[in-house]
């Protein structure tokens, strides 16, 4: 499976390319982006190198496939965020994550983008879909709930694992 372009009512999710780093630097320049995820902003060169790694589409042992998208509202060329899905090579599970620039939060963009990715994963035969969410990140918890994910008893690096219930 190659990373497809996805389109929603308001968003275009384009497969991430190293060239997208220039537009995403502004999104990650806001320290508030890292309140719940940790990390720090990167300059364009460092972000480009990271995107080059992600563009390969696989982890080091090819047990996980990486799908990454840059989010844009309509035909606007300025990115508003990013989506990621890490998928087991056998499609037995996928983990999704979303990042919306602080200036664009509160508009339902994360729910819309993540909904498109989850629908695509389900149509691709992925068996289990999860997201890990910081226990204090109420906005991401709301997004996960809208997607049909529910919190589990599992904790990964201090974050609660949310999953679409089986069956």
N, C-alpha and C. Protein backbone atom coordinates (compact mmCIF):
# COMPACT_ATOMS: atom_id res chain seq x y z
N UNK A 1 0.85 -1.19 0.00
CA UNK A 1 0.00 0.00 0.00
C UNK A 1 0.89 1.24 0.00
N UNK A 2 0.65 2.13 -0.91
CA UNK A 2 1.33 3.41 -0.89
C UNK A 2 0.42 4.40 -0.17
N UNK A 3 1.00 5.48 0.30
CA UNK A 3 0.22 6.48 1.00
C UNK A 3 -0.67 7.20 0.00
N UNK A 4 -1.99 7.09 0.17
CA UNK A 4 -2.88 7.75 -0.77
C UNK A 4 -3.14 9.20 -0.36
N UNK A 5 -3.53 10.01 -1.30
CA UNK A 5 -4.09 11.32 -0.96
C UNK A 5 -5.51 11.06 -0.48
N UNK A 6 -5.93 11.78 0.55
CA UNK A 6 -7.29 11.65 1.06
C UNK A 6 -7.92 13.04 1.06
N UNK A 7 -9.20 13.10 0.77
CA UNK A 7 -9.90 14.38 0.73
C UNK A 7 -11.16 14.27 1.57
N UNK A 8 -11.39 15.27 2.41
CA UNK A 8 -12.61 15.36 3.22
C UNK A 8 -13.39 16.59 2.77
N UNK A 9 -14.44 16.91 3.48
CA UNK A 9 -15.21 18.10 3.14
C UNK A 9 -14.36 19.37 3.13
N UNK A 10 -13.44 19.49 4.09
CA UNK A 10 -12.64 20.71 4.20
C UNK A 10 -11.15 20.51 3.96
N UNK A 11 -10.67 19.28 4.04
CA UNK A 11 -9.24 19.04 4.06
C UNK A 11 -8.73 18.23 2.88
N UNK A 12 -7.49 18.48 2.54
CA UNK A 12 -6.73 17.62 1.65
C UNK A 12 -5.58 17.05 2.48
N UNK A 13 -5.48 15.73 2.51
CA UNK A 13 -4.39 15.04 3.20
C UNK A 13 -3.47 14.53 2.11
N UNK A 14 -2.31 15.17 1.97
CA UNK A 14 -1.35 14.81 0.93
C UNK A 14 -0.23 13.99 1.55
N UNK A 15 0.26 12.96 0.85
CA UNK A 15 1.39 12.20 1.37
C UNK A 15 2.55 13.14 1.70
N UNK A 16 3.12 12.96 2.87
CA UNK A 16 4.23 13.80 3.33
C UNK A 16 5.43 13.63 2.40
N UNK A 17 6.08 14.76 2.13
CA UNK A 17 7.32 14.78 1.36
C UNK A 17 8.33 15.64 2.12
N UNK A 18 9.59 15.40 1.90
CA UNK A 18 10.62 16.19 2.57
C UNK A 18 10.44 17.68 2.30
N UNK A 19 9.94 18.03 1.12
CA UNK A 19 9.70 19.44 0.76
C UNK A 19 8.69 20.11 1.69
N UNK A 20 7.86 19.32 2.37
CA UNK A 20 6.85 19.88 3.26
C UNK A 20 7.44 20.49 4.53
N UNK A 21 8.70 20.20 4.79
CA UNK A 21 9.34 20.70 6.01
C UNK A 21 9.28 22.22 6.10
N UNK A 22 9.50 22.91 5.00
CA UNK A 22 9.51 24.38 5.04
C UNK A 22 8.18 24.92 5.55
N UNK A 23 7.07 24.36 5.10
CA UNK A 23 5.76 24.83 5.53
C UNK A 23 5.39 24.42 6.95
N UNK A 24 5.96 23.31 7.42
CA UNK A 24 5.62 22.83 8.76
C UNK A 24 6.46 23.46 9.87
N UNK A 25 7.57 24.11 9.51
CA UNK A 25 8.40 24.75 10.53
C UNK A 25 7.59 25.73 11.36
N UNK A 26 6.75 26.51 10.72
CA UNK A 26 5.92 27.49 11.44
C UNK A 26 4.97 26.81 12.42
N UNK A 27 4.39 25.68 12.01
CA UNK A 27 3.48 24.94 12.89
C UNK A 27 4.22 24.51 14.15
N UNK A 28 5.43 23.96 13.97
CA UNK A 28 6.20 23.44 15.11
C UNK A 28 6.98 24.51 15.85
N UNK A 29 6.98 25.73 15.36
CA UNK A 29 7.67 26.81 16.06
C UNK A 29 6.96 27.20 17.35
N UNK A 30 5.68 26.90 17.44
CA UNK A 30 4.90 27.22 18.64
C UNK A 30 5.14 26.15 19.69
N UNK A 31 5.76 26.54 20.80
CA UNK A 31 6.10 25.59 21.87
C UNK A 31 4.86 24.89 22.44
N UNK A 32 3.69 25.49 22.29
CA UNK A 32 2.46 24.87 22.80
C UNK A 32 2.16 23.55 22.09
N UNK A 33 2.74 23.35 20.91
CA UNK A 33 2.55 22.08 20.20
C UNK A 33 3.11 20.90 20.99
N UNK A 34 4.03 21.15 21.91
CA UNK A 34 4.72 20.08 22.60
C UNK A 34 4.28 19.91 24.05
N UNK A 35 3.20 20.58 24.43
CA UNK A 35 2.71 20.52 25.81
C UNK A 35 2.45 19.09 26.24
N UNK A 36 1.80 18.30 25.42
CA UNK A 36 1.42 16.95 25.80
C UNK A 36 2.29 15.88 25.15
N UNK A 37 3.08 16.24 24.15
CA UNK A 37 3.84 15.24 23.42
C UNK A 37 5.33 15.27 23.72
N UNK A 38 5.80 16.33 24.35
CA UNK A 38 7.23 16.47 24.55
C UNK A 38 7.89 16.87 23.23
N UNK A 39 9.18 16.96 23.26
CA UNK A 39 9.91 17.35 22.06
C UNK A 39 10.12 18.85 22.00
N UNK A 40 10.65 19.28 20.89
CA UNK A 40 10.92 20.70 20.72
C UNK A 40 10.91 21.03 19.23
N UNK A 41 10.81 22.33 18.94
CA UNK A 41 10.75 22.75 17.55
C UNK A 41 12.07 22.44 16.84
N UNK A 42 11.97 22.31 15.53
CA UNK A 42 13.14 22.00 14.70
C UNK A 42 13.24 23.04 13.60
N UNK A 43 14.47 23.30 13.18
CA UNK A 43 14.61 24.19 12.03
C UNK A 43 14.28 23.40 10.76
N UNK A 44 14.21 24.08 9.64
CA UNK A 44 13.78 23.46 8.39
C UNK A 44 14.70 22.31 7.98
N UNK A 45 16.00 22.46 8.18
CA UNK A 45 16.93 21.40 7.77
C UNK A 45 16.74 20.13 8.59
N UNK A 46 16.61 20.27 9.90
CA UNK A 46 16.41 19.11 10.76
C UNK A 46 15.06 18.45 10.46
N UNK A 47 14.03 19.26 10.29
CA UNK A 47 12.71 18.71 9.98
C UNK A 47 12.73 18.02 8.61
N UNK A 48 13.44 18.57 7.65
CA UNK A 48 13.55 17.95 6.32
C UNK A 48 14.22 16.57 6.43
N UNK A 49 15.27 16.47 7.24
CA UNK A 49 15.93 15.17 7.42
C UNK A 49 14.98 14.17 8.07
N UNK A 50 14.20 14.62 9.03
CA UNK A 50 13.21 13.73 9.66
C UNK A 50 12.19 13.28 8.62
N UNK A 51 11.71 14.20 7.82
CA UNK A 51 10.72 13.86 6.79
C UNK A 51 11.31 12.90 5.74
N UNK A 52 12.59 13.06 5.45
CA UNK A 52 13.23 12.13 4.51
C UNK A 52 13.19 10.71 5.06
N UNK A 53 13.41 10.56 6.37
CA UNK A 53 13.31 9.24 7.00
C UNK A 53 11.89 8.70 6.90
N UNK A 54 10.92 9.55 7.20
CA UNK A 54 9.53 9.12 7.17
C UNK A 54 9.08 8.77 5.75
N UNK A 55 9.63 9.48 4.79
CA UNK A 55 9.27 9.24 3.39
C UNK A 55 9.65 7.84 2.91
N UNK A 56 10.62 7.20 3.58
CA UNK A 56 11.00 5.84 3.19
C UNK A 56 9.83 4.89 3.36
N UNK A 57 8.96 5.19 4.32
CA UNK A 57 7.74 4.41 4.50
C UNK A 57 7.86 3.19 5.39
N UNK A 58 9.05 2.90 5.90
CA UNK A 58 9.23 1.70 6.72
C UNK A 58 10.15 1.97 7.91
N UNK A 59 9.94 1.19 8.98
CA UNK A 59 10.91 1.23 10.07
C UNK A 59 12.12 0.38 9.67
N UNK A 60 13.12 0.30 10.54
CA UNK A 60 14.40 -0.33 10.19
C UNK A 60 14.27 -1.81 9.80
N UNK A 61 13.37 -2.57 10.41
CA UNK A 61 13.27 -4.00 10.09
C UNK A 61 12.05 -4.34 9.22
N UNK A 62 11.40 -3.31 8.73
CA UNK A 62 10.25 -3.45 7.82
C UNK A 62 9.07 -4.19 8.46
N UNK A 63 8.97 -4.15 9.78
CA UNK A 63 7.83 -4.75 10.46
C UNK A 63 6.67 -3.77 10.57
N UNK A 64 6.96 -2.49 10.34
CA UNK A 64 5.94 -1.45 10.40
C UNK A 64 6.02 -0.56 9.17
N UNK A 65 4.87 -0.27 8.63
CA UNK A 65 4.76 0.64 7.48
C UNK A 65 4.33 1.99 8.01
N UNK A 66 4.96 3.06 7.55
CA UNK A 66 4.63 4.41 7.98
C UNK A 66 3.85 5.12 6.90
N UNK A 67 2.71 5.67 7.29
CA UNK A 67 1.90 6.51 6.41
C UNK A 67 1.82 7.88 7.06
N UNK A 68 2.20 8.91 6.35
CA UNK A 68 2.21 10.27 6.88
C UNK A 68 1.60 11.22 5.88
N UNK A 69 0.81 12.14 6.40
CA UNK A 69 0.14 13.13 5.56
C UNK A 69 0.35 14.53 6.11
N UNK A 70 0.36 15.50 5.21
CA UNK A 70 0.32 16.91 5.56
C UNK A 70 -1.11 17.37 5.28
N UNK A 71 -1.68 18.12 6.22
CA UNK A 71 -3.07 18.56 6.12
C UNK A 71 -3.13 20.00 5.65
N UNK A 72 -4.00 20.22 4.68
CA UNK A 72 -4.24 21.57 4.19
C UNK A 72 -5.75 21.78 4.08
N UNK A 73 -6.20 23.00 4.37
CA UNK A 73 -7.60 23.32 4.23
C UNK A 73 -7.86 23.64 2.77
N UNK A 74 -8.76 22.88 2.15
CA UNK A 74 -9.10 23.10 0.74
C UNK A 74 -7.89 23.10 -0.15
N UNK A 75 -7.83 24.10 -1.02
CA UNK A 75 -6.71 24.22 -1.95
C UNK A 75 -5.59 25.09 -1.41
N UNK A 76 -5.74 25.56 -0.15
CA UNK A 76 -4.72 26.41 0.45
C UNK A 76 -3.41 25.63 0.54
N UNK A 77 -2.32 26.25 0.15
CA UNK A 77 -1.05 25.54 0.16
C UNK A 77 -0.39 25.52 1.53
N UNK A 78 -0.85 26.36 2.47
CA UNK A 78 -0.24 26.40 3.79
C UNK A 78 -0.72 25.22 4.64
N UNK A 79 0.19 24.43 5.17
CA UNK A 79 -0.23 23.30 6.00
C UNK A 79 -0.82 23.77 7.33
N UNK A 80 -1.77 22.97 7.84
CA UNK A 80 -2.38 23.25 9.14
C UNK A 80 -2.03 22.16 10.15
N UNK A 81 -1.43 21.07 9.68
CA UNK A 81 -1.06 20.00 10.59
C UNK A 81 -0.61 18.76 9.85
N UNK A 82 -0.56 17.65 10.60
CA UNK A 82 -0.08 16.39 10.04
C UNK A 82 -0.84 15.23 10.67
N UNK A 83 -0.87 14.13 9.96
CA UNK A 83 -1.49 12.87 10.41
C UNK A 83 -0.48 11.76 10.19
N UNK A 84 -0.53 10.77 11.05
CA UNK A 84 0.36 9.63 10.92
C UNK A 84 -0.39 8.35 11.23
N UNK A 85 -0.07 7.30 10.51
CA UNK A 85 -0.55 5.96 10.83
C UNK A 85 0.64 5.02 10.72
N UNK A 86 0.92 4.32 11.79
CA UNK A 86 1.94 3.28 11.79
C UNK A 86 1.18 1.97 11.72
N UNK A 87 1.46 1.16 10.71
CA UNK A 87 0.68 -0.06 10.45
C UNK A 87 1.60 -1.27 10.46
N UNK A 88 1.20 -2.30 11.20
CA UNK A 88 1.96 -3.55 11.18
C UNK A 88 2.00 -4.08 9.76
N UNK A 89 3.12 -4.67 9.38
CA UNK A 89 3.28 -5.18 8.02
C UNK A 89 2.18 -6.18 7.66
N UNK A 90 1.68 -6.91 8.66
CA UNK A 90 0.61 -7.89 8.40
C UNK A 90 -0.79 -7.28 8.55
N UNK A 91 -0.85 -5.98 8.78
CA UNK A 91 -2.10 -5.22 8.94
C UNK A 91 -2.93 -5.66 10.14
N UNK A 92 -2.30 -6.28 11.13
CA UNK A 92 -3.04 -6.71 12.32
C UNK A 92 -3.37 -5.55 13.24
N UNK A 93 -2.66 -4.44 13.12
CA UNK A 93 -2.92 -3.27 13.95
C UNK A 93 -2.38 -2.02 13.26
N UNK A 94 -2.90 -0.89 13.72
CA UNK A 94 -2.40 0.43 13.30
C UNK A 94 -2.53 1.38 14.47
N UNK A 95 -1.59 2.27 14.58
CA UNK A 95 -1.64 3.35 15.57
C UNK A 95 -1.71 4.66 14.82
N UNK A 96 -2.66 5.51 15.18
CA UNK A 96 -2.82 6.80 14.51
C UNK A 96 -2.44 7.93 15.46
N UNK A 97 -2.01 9.03 14.87
CA UNK A 97 -1.67 10.23 15.63
C UNK A 97 -1.96 11.44 14.77
N UNK A 98 -2.34 12.53 15.42
CA UNK A 98 -2.67 13.76 14.70
C UNK A 98 -2.02 14.94 15.40
N UNK A 99 -1.67 15.94 14.60
CA UNK A 99 -1.11 17.19 15.11
C UNK A 99 -1.72 18.33 14.30
N UNK A 100 -2.36 19.23 15.00
CA UNK A 100 -2.96 20.40 14.35
C UNK A 100 -2.27 21.63 14.93
N UNK A 101 -1.82 22.52 14.06
CA UNK A 101 -1.17 23.74 14.52
C UNK A 101 -2.06 24.50 15.49
N UNK A 102 -1.46 25.09 16.49
CA UNK A 102 -2.20 25.77 17.56
C UNK A 102 -3.19 26.79 16.99
N UNK A 103 -2.78 27.54 15.99
CA UNK A 103 -3.66 28.56 15.40
C UNK A 103 -4.88 27.95 14.70
N UNK A 104 -4.86 26.66 14.43
CA UNK A 104 -5.94 26.00 13.69
C UNK A 104 -6.76 25.05 14.56
N UNK A 105 -6.44 24.98 15.83
CA UNK A 105 -7.15 24.06 16.73
C UNK A 105 -8.53 24.58 17.07
N UNK A 106 -9.40 23.67 17.49
CA UNK A 106 -10.75 24.03 17.90
C UNK A 106 -11.75 24.13 16.76
N UNK A 107 -11.36 23.68 15.58
CA UNK A 107 -12.24 23.77 14.40
C UNK A 107 -12.69 22.39 13.90
N UNK A 108 -12.33 21.34 14.63
CA UNK A 108 -12.72 19.99 14.22
C UNK A 108 -11.84 19.39 13.14
N UNK A 109 -10.71 20.02 12.85
CA UNK A 109 -9.84 19.52 11.79
C UNK A 109 -9.20 18.18 12.15
N UNK A 110 -8.81 18.01 13.41
CA UNK A 110 -8.21 16.73 13.82
C UNK A 110 -9.21 15.60 13.67
N UNK A 111 -10.45 15.82 14.09
CA UNK A 111 -11.48 14.78 13.97
C UNK A 111 -11.73 14.44 12.50
N UNK A 112 -11.77 15.45 11.67
CA UNK A 112 -12.03 15.23 10.25
C UNK A 112 -10.89 14.46 9.58
N UNK A 113 -9.66 14.88 9.85
CA UNK A 113 -8.50 14.21 9.25
C UNK A 113 -8.35 12.79 9.78
N UNK A 114 -8.44 12.64 11.09
CA UNK A 114 -8.28 11.31 11.68
C UNK A 114 -9.41 10.38 11.24
N UNK A 115 -10.60 10.92 11.08
CA UNK A 115 -11.72 10.11 10.59
C UNK A 115 -11.45 9.57 9.20
N UNK A 116 -10.85 10.39 8.34
CA UNK A 116 -10.53 9.94 6.98
C UNK A 116 -9.47 8.84 7.02
N UNK A 117 -8.47 9.00 7.87
CA UNK A 117 -7.41 8.00 7.96
C UNK A 117 -7.95 6.69 8.55
N UNK A 118 -8.76 6.78 9.60
CA UNK A 118 -9.33 5.56 10.20
C UNK A 118 -10.22 4.84 9.18
N UNK A 119 -11.02 5.57 8.44
CA UNK A 119 -11.88 4.94 7.41
C UNK A 119 -11.01 4.24 6.37
N UNK A 120 -9.92 4.89 5.94
CA UNK A 120 -9.03 4.28 4.97
C UNK A 120 -8.38 3.01 5.54
N UNK A 121 -7.94 3.07 6.81
CA UNK A 121 -7.33 1.89 7.43
C UNK A 121 -8.31 0.73 7.51
N UNK A 122 -9.54 1.03 7.91
CA UNK A 122 -10.55 -0.03 8.01
C UNK A 122 -10.84 -0.63 6.64
N UNK A 123 -10.93 0.20 5.62
CA UNK A 123 -11.20 -0.31 4.27
C UNK A 123 -10.01 -1.10 3.73
N UNK A 124 -8.82 -0.88 4.32
CA UNK A 124 -7.61 -1.59 3.91
C UNK A 124 -7.41 -2.88 4.68
N UNK A 125 -8.37 -3.20 5.57
CA UNK A 125 -8.31 -4.47 6.29
C UNK A 125 -7.52 -4.47 7.58
N UNK A 126 -7.21 -3.30 8.13
CA UNK A 126 -6.49 -3.26 9.40
C UNK A 126 -7.41 -3.74 10.51
N UNK A 127 -6.91 -4.67 11.33
CA UNK A 127 -7.74 -5.33 12.33
C UNK A 127 -7.97 -4.47 13.58
N UNK A 128 -6.95 -3.83 14.12
CA UNK A 128 -7.07 -3.08 15.38
C UNK A 128 -6.47 -1.69 15.18
N UNK A 129 -7.19 -0.66 15.60
CA UNK A 129 -6.72 0.71 15.47
C UNK A 129 -6.63 1.33 16.86
N UNK A 130 -5.48 1.95 17.14
CA UNK A 130 -5.26 2.56 18.45
C UNK A 130 -4.71 3.98 18.29
N UNK A 131 -4.74 4.71 19.39
CA UNK A 131 -4.07 6.01 19.52
C UNK A 131 -3.60 6.10 20.97
N UNK A 132 -2.45 6.67 21.20
CA UNK A 132 -1.98 6.89 22.56
C UNK A 132 -2.14 8.37 22.87
N UNK A 133 -2.77 8.64 24.02
CA UNK A 133 -3.14 10.02 24.35
C UNK A 133 -2.73 10.34 25.78
N UNK A 134 -2.08 11.47 25.95
CA UNK A 134 -1.70 11.94 27.29
C UNK A 134 -2.98 12.04 28.13
N UNK A 135 -2.93 11.56 29.38
CA UNK A 135 -4.15 11.56 30.19
C UNK A 135 -4.77 12.93 30.44
N UNK A 136 -4.00 14.00 30.29
CA UNK A 136 -4.54 15.35 30.51
C UNK A 136 -4.93 16.06 29.21
N UNK A 137 -4.80 15.38 28.08
CA UNK A 137 -5.09 16.02 26.79
C UNK A 137 -6.56 15.79 26.41
N UNK A 138 -7.42 16.64 26.96
CA UNK A 138 -8.87 16.48 26.76
C UNK A 138 -9.28 16.61 25.30
N UNK A 139 -8.65 17.50 24.56
CA UNK A 139 -9.03 17.70 23.15
C UNK A 139 -8.75 16.43 22.34
N UNK A 140 -7.61 15.81 22.54
CA UNK A 140 -7.30 14.58 21.81
C UNK A 140 -8.20 13.43 22.26
N UNK A 141 -8.56 13.42 23.52
CA UNK A 141 -9.50 12.39 24.01
C UNK A 141 -10.85 12.55 23.31
N UNK A 142 -11.29 13.78 23.11
CA UNK A 142 -12.55 14.02 22.39
C UNK A 142 -12.46 13.55 20.94
N UNK A 143 -11.32 13.80 20.30
CA UNK A 143 -11.12 13.35 18.92
C UNK A 143 -11.20 11.82 18.88
N UNK A 144 -10.49 11.16 19.78
CA UNK A 144 -10.48 9.70 19.81
C UNK A 144 -11.89 9.15 20.01
N UNK A 145 -12.64 9.75 20.92
CA UNK A 145 -14.02 9.28 21.17
C UNK A 145 -14.89 9.46 19.92
N UNK A 146 -14.72 10.57 19.21
CA UNK A 146 -15.49 10.78 17.97
C UNK A 146 -15.17 9.72 16.93
N UNK A 147 -13.95 9.19 16.97
CA UNK A 147 -13.53 8.16 16.02
C UNK A 147 -14.04 6.77 16.40
N UNK A 148 -14.62 6.67 17.60
CA UNK A 148 -15.08 5.37 18.07
C UNK A 148 -14.06 4.64 18.91
N UNK A 149 -12.97 5.30 19.27
CA UNK A 149 -11.97 4.69 20.14
C UNK A 149 -12.40 4.89 21.59
N UNK A 150 -12.00 3.98 22.44
CA UNK A 150 -12.30 4.06 23.87
C UNK A 150 -11.02 3.81 24.64
N UNK A 151 -10.88 4.45 25.81
CA UNK A 151 -9.66 4.22 26.59
C UNK A 151 -9.58 2.77 27.07
N UNK A 152 -8.37 2.23 27.09
CA UNK A 152 -8.14 0.88 27.59
C UNK A 152 -7.38 0.99 28.91
N UNK A 153 -7.07 -0.14 29.51
CA UNK A 153 -6.25 -0.16 30.73
C UNK A 153 -4.77 -0.11 30.40
N UNK A 154 -4.44 -0.15 29.11
CA UNK A 154 -3.05 -0.16 28.68
C UNK A 154 -2.47 1.25 28.71
N UNK A 155 -1.22 1.36 29.19
CA UNK A 155 -0.50 2.63 29.23
C UNK A 155 0.82 2.44 28.51
N UNK A 156 1.15 3.37 27.63
CA UNK A 156 2.39 3.31 26.86
C UNK A 156 3.16 4.61 27.09
N UNK A 157 4.27 4.52 27.78
CA UNK A 157 5.11 5.69 28.06
C UNK A 157 4.31 6.83 28.69
N UNK A 158 3.45 6.48 29.64
CA UNK A 158 2.66 7.48 30.37
C UNK A 158 1.39 7.92 29.67
N UNK A 159 1.15 7.42 28.46
CA UNK A 159 -0.06 7.79 27.72
C UNK A 159 -1.04 6.62 27.70
N UNK A 160 -2.32 6.96 27.73
CA UNK A 160 -3.37 5.95 27.71
C UNK A 160 -3.57 5.49 26.28
N UNK A 161 -3.65 4.16 26.10
CA UNK A 161 -3.92 3.61 24.78
C UNK A 161 -5.44 3.55 24.60
N UNK A 162 -5.90 4.19 23.55
CA UNK A 162 -7.30 4.15 23.16
C UNK A 162 -7.42 3.18 21.99
N UNK A 163 -8.51 2.45 21.91
CA UNK A 163 -8.66 1.48 20.83
C UNK A 163 -10.11 1.40 20.40
N UNK A 164 -10.29 1.05 19.12
CA UNK A 164 -11.64 0.74 18.64
C UNK A 164 -11.95 -0.65 19.15
N UNK A 165 -13.03 -0.79 19.91
CA UNK A 165 -13.34 -2.11 20.46
C UNK A 165 -13.50 -3.16 19.37
N UNK A 166 -13.02 -4.36 19.65
CA UNK A 166 -13.12 -5.47 18.69
C UNK A 166 -14.57 -5.90 18.55
N UNK A 167 -14.83 -6.51 17.41
CA UNK A 167 -16.15 -7.10 17.21
C UNK A 167 -17.04 -6.23 16.51
